[in-house]
PDB file of all heavy atoms in Angstrom:
ATOM      1  N   TYR A   1       0.838  -1.207   0.000  1.00  0.00           N
ATOM      2  CA  TYR A   1       0.000   0.000   0.000  1.00  0.00           C
ATOM      3  C   TYR A   1       0.871   1.255   0.000  1.00  0.00           C
ATOM      4  O   TYR A   1       0.655   2.174  -0.798  1.00  0.00           O
ATOM      5  CB  TYR A   1      -0.909  -0.020   1.230  1.00  0.00           C
ATOM      6  CG  TYR A   1      -1.583   1.303   1.534  1.00  0.00           C
ATOM      7  CD1 TYR A   1      -2.734   1.694   0.865  1.00  0.00           C
ATOM      8  CD2 TYR A   1      -1.046   2.156   2.507  1.00  0.00           C
ATOM      9  CE1 TYR A   1      -3.338   2.907   1.136  1.00  0.00           C
ATOM     10  CE2 TYR A   1      -1.654   3.366   2.785  1.00  0.00           C
ATOM     11  CZ  TYR A   1      -2.796   3.743   2.103  1.00  0.00           C
ATOM     12  OH  TYR A   1      -3.390   4.950   2.379  1.00  0.00           O
ATOM     13  N   TRP A   2       1.871   1.303   0.894  1.00  0.00           N
ATOM     14  CA  TRP A   2       2.715   2.500   1.007  1.00  0.00           C
ATOM     15  C   TRP A   2       3.538   2.731  -0.262  1.00  0.00           C
ATOM     16  O   TRP A   2       3.640   3.864  -0.748  1.00  0.00           O
ATOM     17  CB  TRP A   2       3.647   2.387   2.222  1.00  0.00           C
ATOM     18  CG  TRP A   2       4.538   3.585   2.342  1.00  0.00           C
ATOM     19  CD1 TRP A   2       4.197   4.821   2.797  1.00  0.00           C
ATOM     20  CD2 TRP A   2       5.917   3.667   1.947  1.00  0.00           C
ATOM     21  NE1 TRP A   2       5.283   5.678   2.722  1.00  0.00           N
ATOM     22  CE2 TRP A   2       6.347   4.999   2.213  1.00  0.00           C
ATOM     23  CE3 TRP A   2       6.830   2.757   1.418  1.00  0.00           C
ATOM     24  CZ2 TRP A   2       7.646   5.426   1.947  1.00  0.00           C
ATOM     25  CZ3 TRP A   2       8.124   3.191   1.164  1.00  0.00           C
ATOM     26  CH2 TRP A   2       8.523   4.509   1.421  1.00  0.00           C
ATOM     27  N   ILE A   3       4.107   1.680  -0.799  1.00  0.00           N
ATOM     28  CA  ILE A   3       4.903   1.817  -2.025  1.00  0.00           C
ATOM     29  C   ILE A   3       4.045   2.334  -3.171  1.00  0.00           C
ATOM     30  O   ILE A   3       4.418   3.272  -3.891  1.00  0.00           O
ATOM     31  CB  ILE A   3       5.566   0.472  -2.395  1.00  0.00           C
ATOM     32  CG1 ILE A   3       6.660   0.124  -1.378  1.00  0.00           C
ATOM     33  CG2 ILE A   3       6.153   0.518  -3.810  1.00  0.00           C
ATOM     34  CD1 ILE A   3       7.197  -1.295  -1.512  1.00  0.00           C
ATOM     35  N   ASN A   4       2.855   1.760  -3.339  1.00  0.00           N
ATOM     36  CA  ASN A   4       1.976   2.187  -4.426  1.00  0.00           C
ATOM     37  C   ASN A   4       1.526   3.634  -4.260  1.00  0.00           C
ATOM     38  O   ASN A   4       1.503   4.412  -5.233  1.00  0.00           O
ATOM     39  CB  ASN A   4       0.740   1.274  -4.500  1.00  0.00           C
ATOM     40  CG  ASN A   4       1.092  -0.138  -4.954  1.00  0.00           C
ATOM     41  OD1 ASN A   4       2.109  -0.348  -5.604  1.00  0.00           O
ATOM     42  ND2 ASN A   4       0.252  -1.098  -4.609  1.00  0.00           N
ATOM     43  N   LYS A   5       1.166   4.022  -3.042  1.00  0.00           N
ATOM     44  CA  LYS A   5       0.746   5.407  -2.782  1.00  0.00           C
ATOM     45  C   LYS A   5       1.893   6.393  -3.019  1.00  0.00           C
ATOM     46  O   LYS A   5       1.707   7.468  -3.592  1.00  0.00           O
ATOM     47  CB  LYS A   5       0.257   5.539  -1.339  1.00  0.00           C
ATOM     48  CG  LYS A   5      -1.169   5.101  -1.117  1.00  0.00           C
ATOM     49  CD  LYS A   5      -2.149   6.154  -1.611  1.00  0.00           C
ATOM     50  CE  LYS A   5      -3.556   5.838  -1.162  1.00  0.00           C
ATOM     51  NZ  LYS A   5      -4.530   6.860  -1.622  1.00  0.00           N
ATOM     52  N   THR A   6       3.082   6.020  -2.574  1.00  0.00           N
ATOM     53  CA  THR A   6       4.236   6.910  -2.707  1.00  0.00           C
ATOM     54  C   THR A   6       4.610   7.112  -4.166  1.00  0.00           C
ATOM     55  O   THR A   6       4.911   8.232  -4.602  1.00  0.00           O
ATOM     56  CB  THR A   6       5.433   6.340  -1.916  1.00  0.00           C
ATOM     57  OG1 THR A   6       5.076   6.250  -0.537  1.00  0.00           O
ATOM     58  CG2 THR A   6       6.660   7.222  -2.066  1.00  0.00           C
ATOM     59  N   VAL A   7       4.593   6.033  -4.928  1.00  0.00           N
ATOM     60  CA  VAL A   7       4.938   6.138  -6.349  1.00  0.00           C
ATOM     61  C   VAL A   7       3.913   6.987  -7.106  1.00  0.00           C
ATOM     62  O   VAL A   7       4.271   7.802  -7.967  1.00  0.00           O
ATOM     63  CB  VAL A   7       5.043   4.730  -6.977  1.00  0.00           C
ATOM     64  CG1 VAL A   7       5.153   4.816  -8.496  1.00  0.00           C
ATOM     65  CG2 VAL A   7       6.255   3.994  -6.419  1.00  0.00           C
ATOM     66  N   ARG A   8       2.643   6.843  -6.772  1.00  0.00           N
ATOM     67  CA  ARG A   8       1.585   7.546  -7.508  1.00  0.00           C
ATOM     68  C   ARG A   8       1.391   8.989  -7.040  1.00  0.00           C
ATOM     69  O   ARG A   8       1.173   9.889  -7.856  1.00  0.00           O
ATOM     70  CB  ARG A   8       0.258   6.798  -7.360  1.00  0.00           C
ATOM     71  CG  ARG A   8       0.226   5.440  -8.064  1.00  0.00           C
ATOM     72  CD  ARG A   8      -1.146   4.815  -7.963  1.00  0.00           C
ATOM     73  NE  ARG A   8      -2.139   5.601  -8.670  1.00  0.00           N
ATOM     74  CZ  ARG A   8      -3.471   5.421  -8.559  1.00  0.00           C
ATOM     75  NH1 ARG A   8      -3.933   4.484  -7.733  1.00  0.00           N
ATOM     76  NH2 ARG A   8      -4.307   6.169  -9.234  1.00  0.00           N
ATOM     77  N   PHE A   9       1.475   9.218  -5.712  1.00  0.00           N
ATOM     78  CA  PHE A   9       1.077  10.520  -5.181  1.00  0.00           C
ATOM     79  C   PHE A   9       2.153  11.220  -4.352  1.00  0.00           C
ATOM     80  O   PHE A   9       1.930  12.322  -3.858  1.00  0.00           O
ATOM     81  CB  PHE A   9      -0.188  10.367  -4.320  1.00  0.00           C
ATOM     82  CG  PHE A   9      -1.338   9.727  -5.051  1.00  0.00           C
ATOM     83  CD1 PHE A   9      -1.765   8.453  -4.707  1.00  0.00           C
ATOM     84  CD2 PHE A   9      -1.978  10.381  -6.085  1.00  0.00           C
ATOM     85  CE1 PHE A   9      -2.822   7.851  -5.375  1.00  0.00           C
ATOM     86  CE2 PHE A   9      -3.035   9.796  -6.764  1.00  0.00           C
ATOM     87  CZ  PHE A   9      -3.458   8.520  -6.413  1.00  0.00           C
ATOM     88  N   GLY A  10       3.306  10.590  -4.144  1.00  0.00           N
ATOM     89  CA  GLY A  10       4.363  11.205  -3.354  1.00  0.00           C
ATOM     90  C   GLY A  10       4.241  10.888  -1.868  1.00  0.00           C
ATOM     91  O   GLY A  10       3.226  10.363  -1.403  1.00  0.00           O
ATOM     92  N   GLN A  11       5.300  11.216  -1.129  1.00  0.00           N
ATOM     93  CA  GLN A  11       5.308  10.971   0.311  1.00  0.00           C
ATOM     94  C   GLN A  11       4.509  12.021   1.063  1.00  0.00           C
ATOM     95  O   GLN A  11       4.318  13.143   0.592  1.00  0.00           O
ATOM     96  CB  GLN A  11       6.750  10.976   0.829  1.00  0.00           C
ATOM     97  CG  GLN A  11       7.547   9.730   0.502  1.00  0.00           C
ATOM     98  CD  GLN A  11       8.947   9.800   1.071  1.00  0.00           C
ATOM     99  OE1 GLN A  11       9.895  10.101   0.358  1.00  0.00           O
ATOM    100  NE2 GLN A  11       9.090   9.517   2.353  1.00  0.00           N
ATOM    101  N   ILE A  12       4.083  11.650   2.269  1.00  0.00           N
ATOM    102  CA  ILE A  12       3.436  12.597   3.177  1.00  0.00           C
ATOM    103  C   ILE A  12       4.504  13.390   3.925  1.00  0.00           C
ATOM    104  O   ILE A  12       4.486  14.619   3.945  1.00  0.00           O
ATOM    105  CB  ILE A  12       2.517  11.856   4.172  1.00  0.00           C
ATOM    106  CG1 ILE A  12       1.315  11.248   3.436  1.00  0.00           C
ATOM    107  CG2 ILE A  12       2.030  12.802   5.277  1.00  0.00           C
ATOM    108  CD1 ILE A  12       0.446  10.360   4.307  1.00  0.00           C
ATOM    109  N   GLU A  13       5.445  12.683   4.545  1.00  0.00           N
ATOM    110  CA  GLU A  13       6.559  13.349   5.243  1.00  0.00           C
ATOM    111  C   GLU A  13       7.704  13.516   4.235  1.00  0.00           C
ATOM    112  O   GLU A  13       8.751  12.907   4.340  1.00  0.00           O
ATOM    113  CB  GLU A  13       6.990  12.517   6.440  1.00  0.00           C
ATOM    114  CG  GLU A  13       5.917  12.451   7.513  1.00  0.00           C
ATOM    115  CD  GLU A  13       6.339  11.587   8.692  1.00  0.00           C
ATOM    116  OE1 GLU A  13       6.531  10.380   8.513  1.00  0.00           O
ATOM    117  OE2 GLU A  13       6.465  12.146   9.793  1.00  0.00           O
ATOM    118  N   PHE A  14       7.460  14.357   3.251  1.00  0.00           N
ATOM    119  CA  PHE A  14       8.360  14.476   2.116  1.00  0.00           C
ATOM    120  C   PHE A  14       9.567  15.369   2.426  1.00  0.00           C
ATOM    121  O   PHE A  14       9.471  16.355   3.138  1.00  0.00           O
ATOM    122  CB  PHE A  14       7.610  15.022   0.889  1.00  0.00           C
ATOM    123  CG  PHE A  14       6.927  16.351   1.124  1.00  0.00           C
ATOM    124  CD1 PHE A  14       7.601  17.538   0.944  1.00  0.00           C
ATOM    125  CD2 PHE A  14       5.600  16.393   1.534  1.00  0.00           C
ATOM    126  CE1 PHE A  14       6.985  18.761   1.161  1.00  0.00           C
ATOM    127  CE2 PHE A  14       4.965  17.622   1.758  1.00  0.00           C
ATOM    128  CZ  PHE A  14       5.656  18.807   1.568  1.00  0.00           C
ATOM    129  N   ASP A  15      10.712  14.966   1.908  1.00  0.00           N
ATOM    130  CA  ASP A  15      11.930  15.780   1.914  1.00  0.00           C
ATOM    131  C   ASP A  15      12.230  16.373   3.291  1.00  0.00           C
ATOM    132  O   ASP A  15      12.571  17.549   3.420  1.00  0.00           O
ATOM    133  CB  ASP A  15      11.819  16.914   0.882  1.00  0.00           C
ATOM    134  CG  ASP A  15      11.528  16.372  -0.509  1.00  0.00           C
ATOM    135  OD1 ASP A  15      12.001  15.271  -0.820  1.00  0.00           O
ATOM    136  OD2 ASP A  15      10.815  17.042  -1.268  1.00  0.00           O
ATOM    137  N   SER A  16      12.118  15.543   4.308  1.00  0.00           N
ATOM    138  CA  SER A  16      12.359  16.013   5.667  1.00  0.00           C
ATOM    139  C   SER A  16      13.825  15.806   6.045  1.00  0.00           C
ATOM    140  O   SER A  16      14.309  14.664   6.033  1.00  0.00           O
ATOM    141  CB  SER A  16      11.473  15.259   6.662  1.00  0.00           C
ATOM    142  OG  SER A  16      11.859  15.552   7.990  1.00  0.00           O
ATOM    143  N   PRO A  17      14.550  16.867   6.381  1.00  0.00           N
ATOM    144  CA  PRO A  17      15.958  16.706   6.773  1.00  0.00           C
ATOM    145  C   PRO A  17      16.145  15.791   7.976  1.00  0.00           C
ATOM    146  O   PRO A  17      17.212  15.220   8.155  1.00  0.00           O
ATOM    147  CB  PRO A  17      16.396  18.141   7.102  1.00  0.00           C
ATOM    148  CG  PRO A  17      15.468  19.005   6.319  1.00  0.00           C
ATOM    149  CD  PRO A  17      14.150  18.279   6.347  1.00  0.00           C
ATOM    150  N   ARG A  18      15.115  15.666   8.804  1.00  0.00           N
ATOM    151  CA  ARG A  18      15.208  14.768   9.947  1.00  0.00           C
ATOM    152  C   ARG A  18      14.664  13.372   9.625  1.00  0.00           C
ATOM    153  O   ARG A  18      15.335  12.369   9.819  1.00  0.00           O
ATOM    154  CB  ARG A  18      14.441  15.334  11.143  1.00  0.00           C
ATOM    155  CG  ARG A  18      14.529  14.417  12.356  1.00  0.00           C
ATOM    156  CD  ARG A  18      13.951  15.022  13.599  1.00  0.00           C
ATOM    157  NE  ARG A  18      14.311  14.201  14.759  1.00  0.00           N
ATOM    158  CZ  ARG A  18      13.950  14.469  16.004  1.00  0.00           C
ATOM    159  NH1 ARG A  18      13.253  15.539  16.275  1.00  0.00           N
ATOM    160  NH2 ARG A  18      14.321  13.684  16.992  1.00  0.00           N
ATOM    161  N   TYR A  19      13.441  13.304   9.121  1.00  0.00           N
ATOM    162  CA  TYR A  19      12.770  12.010   9.044  1.00  0.00           C
ATOM    163  C   TYR A  19      13.123  11.200   7.802  1.00  0.00           C
ATOM    164  O   TYR A  19      12.795  10.004   7.748  1.00  0.00           O
ATOM    165  CB  TYR A  19      11.256  12.196   9.195  1.00  0.00           C
ATOM    166  CG  TYR A  19      10.946  12.615  10.607  1.00  0.00           C
ATOM    167  CD1 TYR A  19      10.704  13.942  10.919  1.00  0.00           C
ATOM    168  CD2 TYR A  19      10.981  11.690  11.640  1.00  0.00           C
ATOM    169  CE1 TYR A  19      10.482  14.340  12.227  1.00  0.00           C
ATOM    170  CE2 TYR A  19      10.758  12.072  12.956  1.00  0.00           C
ATOM    171  CZ  TYR A  19      10.507  13.399  13.248  1.00  0.00           C
ATOM    172  OH  TYR A  19      10.314  13.784  14.538  1.00  0.00           O
ATOM    173  N   LEU A  20      13.798  11.792   6.840  1.00  0.00           N
ATOM    174  CA  LEU A  20      14.298  10.983   5.723  1.00  0.00           C
ATOM    175  C   LEU A  20      15.212   9.873   6.239  1.00  0.00           C
ATOM    176  O   LEU A  20      15.237   8.762   5.703  1.00  0.00           O
ATOM    177  CB  LEU A  20      15.064  11.863   4.729  1.00  0.00           C
ATOM    178  CG  LEU A  20      15.598  11.139   3.491  1.00  0.00           C
ATOM    179  CD1 LEU A  20      14.458  10.596   2.634  1.00  0.00           C
ATOM    180  CD2 LEU A  20      16.497  12.052   2.663  1.00  0.00           C
ATOM    181  N   TYR A  21      15.936  10.177   7.304  1.00  0.00           N
ATOM    182  CA  TYR A  21      16.812   9.198   7.967  1.00  0.00           C
ATOM    183  C   TYR A  21      16.034   7.951   8.375  1.00  0.00           C
ATOM    184  O   TYR A  21      16.536   6.825   8.281  1.00  0.00           O
ATOM    185  CB  TYR A  21      17.417   9.880   9.193  1.00  0.00           C
ATOM    186  CG  TYR A  21      18.388   9.076  10.028  1.00  0.00           C
ATOM    187  CD1 TYR A  21      19.750   9.052   9.716  1.00  0.00           C
ATOM    188  CD2 TYR A  21      17.970   8.399  11.176  1.00  0.00           C
ATOM    189  CE1 TYR A  21      20.654   8.360  10.514  1.00  0.00           C
ATOM    190  CE2 TYR A  21      18.860   7.706  11.964  1.00  0.00           C
ATOM    191  CZ  TYR A  21      20.212   7.696  11.638  1.00  0.00           C
ATOM    192  OH  TYR A  21      21.109   7.011  12.436  1.00  0.00           O
ATOM    193  N   TYR A  22      14.771   8.156   8.806  1.00  0.00           N
ATOM    194  CA  TYR A  22      13.948   7.048   9.296  1.00  0.00           C
ATOM    195  C   TYR A  22      13.096   6.415   8.193  1.00  0.00           C
ATOM    196  O   TYR A  22      12.298   5.521   8.466  1.00  0.00           O
ATOM    197  CB  TYR A  22      13.074   7.526  10.454  1.00  0.00           C
ATOM    198  CG  TYR A  22      13.913   7.996  11.624  1.00  0.00           C
ATOM    199  CD1 TYR A  22      14.019   9.351  11.933  1.00  0.00           C
ATOM    200  CD2 TYR A  22      14.643   7.090  12.380  1.00  0.00           C
ATOM    201  CE1 TYR A  22      14.817   9.780  12.988  1.00  0.00           C
ATOM    202  CE2 TYR A  22      15.438   7.516  13.439  1.00  0.00           C
ATOM    203  CZ  TYR A  22      15.522   8.858  13.731  1.00  0.00           C
ATOM    204  OH  TYR A  22      16.319   9.285  14.768  1.00  0.00           O
ATOM    205  N   PHE A  23      13.260   6.881   6.973  1.00  0.00           N
ATOM    206  CA  PHE A  23      12.758   6.162   5.802  1.00  0.00           C
ATOM    207  C   PHE A  23      13.884   5.337   5.179  1.00  0.00           C
ATOM    208  O   PHE A  23      13.698   4.169   4.835  1.00  0.00           O
ATOM    209  CB  PHE A  23      12.194   7.138   4.758  1.00  0.00           C
ATOM    210  CG  PHE A  23      10.862   7.715   5.101  1.00  0.00           C
ATOM    211  CD1 PHE A  23      10.748   8.974   5.677  1.00  0.00           C
ATOM    212  CD2 PHE A  23       9.695   6.996   4.853  1.00  0.00           C
ATOM    213  CE1 PHE A  23       9.518   9.510   5.990  1.00  0.00           C
ATOM    214  CE2 PHE A  23       8.448   7.519   5.164  1.00  0.00           C
ATOM    215  CZ  PHE A  23       8.364   8.783   5.737  1.00  0.00           C
ATOM    216  N   ILE A  24      15.048   5.951   5.039  1.00  0.00           N
ATOM    217  CA  ILE A  24      16.166   5.268   4.373  1.00  0.00           C
ATOM    218  C   ILE A  24      16.590   4.027   5.150  1.00  0.00           C
ATOM    219  O   ILE A  24      16.803   2.960   4.569  1.00  0.00           O
ATOM    220  CB  ILE A  24      17.358   6.232   4.199  1.00  0.00           C
ATOM    221  CG1 ILE A  24      17.009   7.335   3.190  1.00  0.00           C
ATOM    222  CG2 ILE A  24      18.603   5.469   3.722  1.00  0.00           C
ATOM    223  CD1 ILE A  24      18.074   8.404   3.049  1.00  0.00           C
ATOM    224  N   THR A  25      16.715   4.137   6.485  1.00  0.00           N
ATOM    225  CA  THR A  25      17.223   3.012   7.272  1.00  0.00           C
ATOM    226  C   THR A  25      16.350   1.758   7.150  1.00  0.00           C
ATOM    227  O   THR A  25      16.860   0.688   6.815  1.00  0.00           O
ATOM    228  CB  THR A  25      17.402   3.407   8.751  1.00  0.00           C
ATOM    229  OG1 THR A  25      18.205   4.586   8.838  1.00  0.00           O
ATOM    230  CG2 THR A  25      18.089   2.279   9.520  1.00  0.00           C
ATOM    231  N   PRO A  26      15.032   1.827   7.404  1.00  0.00           N
ATOM    232  CA  PRO A  26      14.232   0.599   7.240  1.00  0.00           C
ATOM    233  C   PRO A  26      14.191   0.100   5.803  1.00  0.00           C
ATOM    234  O   PRO A  26      14.106  -1.113   5.568  1.00  0.00           O
ATOM    235  CB  PRO A  26      12.841   1.001   7.739  1.00  0.00           C
ATOM    236  CG  PRO A  26      12.806   2.480   7.700  1.00  0.00           C
ATOM    237  CD  PRO A  26      14.209   2.932   7.946  1.00  0.00           C
ATOM    238  N   LEU A  27      14.264   1.001   4.817  1.00  0.00           N
ATOM    239  CA  LEU A  27      14.267   0.567   3.422  1.00  0.00           C
ATOM    240  C   LEU A  27      15.553  -0.182   3.074  1.00  0.00           C
ATOM    241  O   LEU A  27      15.536  -1.158   2.314  1.00  0.00           O
ATOM    242  CB  LEU A  27      14.082   1.762   2.483  1.00  0.00           C
ATOM    243  CG  LEU A  27      12.664   2.324   2.400  1.00  0.00           C
ATOM    244  CD1 LEU A  27      12.631   3.592   1.561  1.00  0.00           C
ATOM    245  CD2 LEU A  27      11.689   1.291   1.839  1.00  0.00           C
ATOM    246  N   ILE A  28      16.680   0.252   3.632  1.00  0.00           N
ATOM    247  CA  ILE A  28      17.934  -0.476   3.430  1.00  0.00           C
ATOM    248  C   ILE A  28      17.824  -1.876   4.025  1.00  0.00           C
ATOM    249  O   ILE A  28      18.214  -2.864   3.401  1.00  0.00           O
ATOM    250  CB  ILE A  28      19.113   0.293   4.057  1.00  0.00           C
ATOM    251  CG1 ILE A  28      19.492   1.485   3.176  1.00  0.00           C
ATOM    252  CG2 ILE A  28      20.330  -0.621   4.260  1.00  0.00           C
ATOM    253  CD1 ILE A  28      20.524   2.398   3.773  1.00  0.00           C
TER     254      ILE A  28
END
């Protein structure tokens, strides 16, 4: 669900200097 929503409509917590860290780590 999250991958499909993000690809189609973009992130909610987009381009966050802080929280991008907490997207990249679990994705790795």
